[in-house]
Amino acid sequence: MSKVQNFQISFKNDKLNSRWLDLIKIRDMCNLSIEEKRAEKMIGSSLEASIKIRLNKERFKIFKEIDFAELCITSNAQIEQSLDNEISAETLKAEGTKCPVCWKISVKPCLRHGT
């Protein structure tokens, strides 16, 4: 076995890979919801969106600390626990004022940039 193959095997982490595959699946559902609202001309960019994500109990426990607003490039994201096993996402138009620095829309002043 070459050093390159040995190096690659030493970084293999099935648990982390599975977690990222789930995150990508959730983000893809969010992106579909966002694109529907863009096609309807309800929002322009994804930063004009606020998303509500519903996850089953298991996924909710695993991902409740993830900042899906950052992952999905939206102004806001709420995560709720659902009773079914499906992942669902609902996109709403973000309410508030746009921060001139990060462009996120919020009712509250932007804590990151003081605006």
C-alpha atoms as a PDB file:
ATOM      1  CA  MET A   1       0.000   0.000   0.000  1.00  0.00           C
ATOM      2  CA  SER A   2       1.381   3.406  -0.926  1.00  0.00           C
ATOM      3  CA  LYS A   3       1.731   6.260   1.550  1.00  0.00           C
ATOM      4  CA  VAL A   4      -1.026   8.205  -0.246  1.00  0.00           C
ATOM      5  CA  GLN A   5      -3.545   5.361   0.130  1.00  0.00           C
ATOM      6  CA  ASN A   6      -2.575   4.873   3.778  1.00  0.00           C
ATOM      7  CA  PHE A   7      -2.990   8.615   4.375  1.00  0.00           C
ATOM      8  CA  GLN A   8      -6.486   8.602   2.817  1.00  0.00           C
ATOM      9  CA  ILE A   9      -7.604   5.572   4.829  1.00  0.00           C
ATOM     10  CA  SER A  10      -6.455   7.175   8.086  1.00  0.00           C
ATOM     11  CA  PHE A  11      -8.905  10.058   7.503  1.00  0.00           C
ATOM     12  CA  LYS A  12     -11.900   7.859   6.740  1.00  0.00           C
ATOM     13  CA  ASN A  13     -14.755   8.648   9.120  1.00  0.00           C
ATOM     14  CA  ASP A  14     -18.044   6.931   8.230  1.00  0.00           C
ATOM     15  CA  LYS A  15     -19.982   8.646  11.023  1.00  0.00           C
ATOM     16  CA  LEU A  16     -18.900  12.116   9.901  1.00  0.00           C
ATOM     17  CA  ASN A  17     -19.561  11.235   6.266  1.00  0.00           C
ATOM     18  CA  SER A  18     -23.073  10.037   7.129  1.00  0.00           C
ATOM     19  CA  ARG A  19     -23.741  13.249   9.077  1.00  0.00           C
ATOM     20  CA  TRP A  20     -22.670  15.400   6.121  1.00  0.00           C
ATOM     21  CA  LEU A  21     -24.781  13.356   3.709  1.00  0.00           C
ATOM     22  CA  ASP A  22     -27.811  14.049   5.934  1.00  0.00           C
ATOM     23  CA  LEU A  23     -26.937  17.756   6.120  1.00  0.00           C
ATOM     24  CA  ILE A  24     -26.680  17.914   2.339  1.00  0.00           C
ATOM     25  CA  LYS A  25     -30.057  16.158   1.995  1.00  0.00           C
ATOM     26  CA  ILE A  26     -31.659  18.721   4.333  1.00  0.00           C
ATOM     27  CA  ARG A  27     -29.985  21.625   2.532  1.00  0.00           C
ATOM     28  CA  ASP A  28     -31.186  20.266  -0.829  1.00  0.00           C
ATOM     29  CA  MET A  29     -34.790  20.204   0.470  1.00  0.00           C
ATOM     30  CA  CYS A  30     -34.372  23.800   1.639  1.00  0.00           C
ATOM     31  CA  ASN A  31     -32.929  24.842  -1.706  1.00  0.00           C
ATOM     32  CA  LEU A  32     -35.902  23.301  -3.547  1.00  0.00           C
ATOM     33  CA  SER A  33     -38.282  25.260  -1.344  1.00  0.00           C
ATOM     34  CA  ILE A  34     -36.299  28.482  -1.856  1.00  0.00           C
ATOM     35  CA  GLU A  35     -36.210  28.007  -5.639  1.00  0.00           C
ATOM     36  CA  GLU A  36     -40.010  27.533  -5.721  1.00  0.00           C
ATOM     37  CA  LYS A  37     -40.443  30.925  -4.031  1.00  0.00           C
ATOM     38  CA  ARG A  38     -37.903  32.520  -6.373  1.00  0.00           C
ATOM     39  CA  ALA A  39     -39.836  31.148  -9.376  1.00  0.00           C
ATOM     40  CA  GLU A  40     -43.027  32.655  -7.893  1.00  0.00           C
ATOM     41  CA  LYS A  41     -41.154  35.994  -7.564  1.00  0.00           C
ATOM     42  CA  MET A  42     -41.898  36.057  -3.828  1.00  0.00           C
ATOM     43  CA  ILE A  43     -38.173  36.441  -3.121  1.00  0.00           C
ATOM     44  CA  GLY A  44     -35.157  37.358  -5.203  1.00  0.00           C
ATOM     45  CA  SER A  45     -32.053  36.012  -3.522  1.00  0.00           C
ATOM     46  CA  SER A  46     -31.917  33.291  -0.894  1.00  0.00           C
ATOM     47  CA  LEU A  47     -30.991  35.965   1.678  1.00  0.00           C
ATOM     48  CA  GLU A  48     -34.551  37.276   1.320  1.00  0.00           C
ATOM     49  CA  ALA A  49     -35.777  33.924   2.663  1.00  0.00           C
ATOM     50  CA  SER A  50     -36.620  32.642   6.090  1.00  0.00           C
ATOM     51  CA  ILE A  51     -36.966  28.861   6.194  1.00  0.00           C
ATOM     52  CA  LYS A  52     -38.799  26.499   8.513  1.00  0.00           C
ATOM     53  CA  ILE A  53     -37.304  23.022   8.560  1.00  0.00           C
ATOM     54  CA  ARG A  54     -39.125  20.027   9.993  1.00  0.00           C
ATOM     55  CA  LEU A  55     -37.081  16.989  11.011  1.00  0.00           C
ATOM     56  CA  ASN A  56     -37.973  13.723  12.680  1.00  0.00           C
ATOM     57  CA  LYS A  57     -37.017  13.223  16.332  1.00  0.00           C
ATOM     58  CA  GLU A  58     -33.681  11.539  15.574  1.00  0.00           C
ATOM     59  CA  ARG A  59     -32.500  14.155  13.065  1.00  0.00           C
ATOM     60  CA  PHE A  60     -33.811  16.968  15.260  1.00  0.00           C
ATOM     61  CA  LYS A  61     -31.602  15.772  18.148  1.00  0.00           C
ATOM     62  CA  ILE A  62     -28.555  15.496  15.887  1.00  0.00           C
ATOM     63  CA  PHE A  63     -28.966  18.774  13.991  1.00  0.00           C
ATOM     64  CA  LYS A  64     -30.726  21.153  16.406  1.00  0.00           C
ATOM     65  CA  GLU A  65     -27.477  23.074  16.966  1.00  0.00           C
ATOM     66  CA  ILE A  66     -26.663  23.498  13.258  1.00  0.00           C
ATOM     67  CA  ASP A  67     -26.986  27.044  11.891  1.00  0.00           C
ATOM     68  CA  PHE A  68     -29.092  26.232   8.842  1.00  0.00           C
ATOM     69  CA  ALA A  69     -29.361  29.936   7.961  1.00  0.00           C
ATOM     70  CA  GLU A  70     -25.611  29.851   7.276  1.00  0.00           C
ATOM     71  CA  LEU A  71     -25.688  26.450   5.576  1.00  0.00           C
ATOM     72  CA  CYS A  72     -28.560  27.433   3.267  1.00  0.00           C
ATOM     73  CA  ILE A  73     -27.512  31.090   2.869  1.00  0.00           C
ATOM     74  CA  THR A  74     -30.787  32.509   4.189  1.00  0.00           C
ATOM     75  CA  SER A  75     -31.565  35.294   6.638  1.00  0.00           C
ATOM     76  CA  ASN A  76     -33.208  33.006   9.160  1.00  0.00           C
ATOM     77  CA  ALA A  77     -33.876  29.322   9.777  1.00  0.00           C
ATOM     78  CA  GLN A  78     -36.087  27.626  12.322  1.00  0.00           C
ATOM     79  CA  ILE A  79     -35.927  23.921  13.048  1.00  0.00           C
ATOM     80  CA  GLU A  80     -38.957  22.074  14.340  1.00  0.00           C
ATOM     81  CA  GLN A  81     -39.463  18.462  15.312  1.00  0.00           C
ATOM     82  CA  SER A  82     -42.063  16.605  13.262  1.00  0.00           C
ATOM     83  CA  LEU A  83     -43.859  13.363  13.963  1.00  0.00           C
ATOM     84  CA  ASP A  84     -43.259  11.842  10.543  1.00  0.00           C
ATOM     85  CA  ASN A  85     -39.992  10.618   9.056  1.00  0.00           C
ATOM     86  CA  GLU A  86     -39.916  13.103   6.176  1.00  0.00           C
ATOM     87  CA  ILE A  87     -37.705  16.154   5.869  1.00  0.00           C
ATOM     88  CA  SER A  88     -39.697  19.217   4.901  1.00  0.00           C
ATOM     89  CA  ALA A  89     -38.872  22.863   4.384  1.00  0.00           C
ATOM     90  CA  GLU A  90     -41.103  25.881   4.014  1.00  0.00           C
ATOM     91  CA  THR A  91     -39.787  29.169   2.680  1.00  0.00           C
ATOM     92  CA  LEU A  92     -41.209  32.503   3.785  1.00  0.00           C
ATOM     93  CA  LYS A  93     -40.154  36.018   2.906  1.00  0.00           C
ATOM     94  CA  ALA A  94     -37.809  37.308   5.618  1.00  0.00           C
ATOM     95  CA  GLU A  95     -39.168  40.268   7.540  1.00  0.00           C
ATOM     96  CA  GLY A  96     -37.227  43.268   8.734  1.00  0.00           C
ATOM     97  CA  THR A  97     -34.360  45.384   7.516  1.00  0.00           C
ATOM     98  CA  LYS A  98     -31.335  44.294   5.503  1.00  0.00           C
ATOM     99  CA  CYS A  99     -27.942  44.648   7.188  1.00  0.00           C
ATOM    100  CA  PRO A 100     -25.698  46.634   4.814  1.00  0.00           C
ATOM    101  CA  VAL A 101     -22.710  44.461   5.754  1.00  0.00           C
ATOM    102  CA  CYS A 102     -23.950  40.846   5.692  1.00  0.00           C
ATOM    103  CA  TRP A 103     -27.210  41.498   3.734  1.00  0.00           C
ATOM    104  CA  LYS A 104     -29.237  39.315   6.093  1.00  0.00           C
ATOM    105  CA  ILE A 105     -32.752  40.552   6.796  1.00  0.00           C
ATOM    106  CA  SER A 106     -33.909  40.726  10.393  1.00  0.00           C
ATOM    107  CA  VAL A 107     -36.433  42.504  12.588  1.00  0.00           C
ATOM    108  CA  LYS A 108     -33.705  42.926  15.212  1.00  0.00           C
ATOM    109  CA  PRO A 109     -30.486  44.909  14.641  1.00  0.00           C
ATOM    110  CA  CYS A 110     -27.633  42.800  13.240  1.00  0.00           C
ATOM    111  CA  LEU A 111     -25.593  41.666  16.246  1.00  0.00           C
ATOM    112  CA  ARG A 112     -22.568  40.759  14.124  1.00  0.00           C
ATOM    113  CA  HIS A 113     -22.145  44.183  12.585  1.00  0.00           C
ATOM    114  CA  GLY A 114     -23.926  46.528  14.982  1.00  0.00           C
ATOM    115  CA  THR A 115     -26.369  47.737  12.325  1.00  0.00           C
END
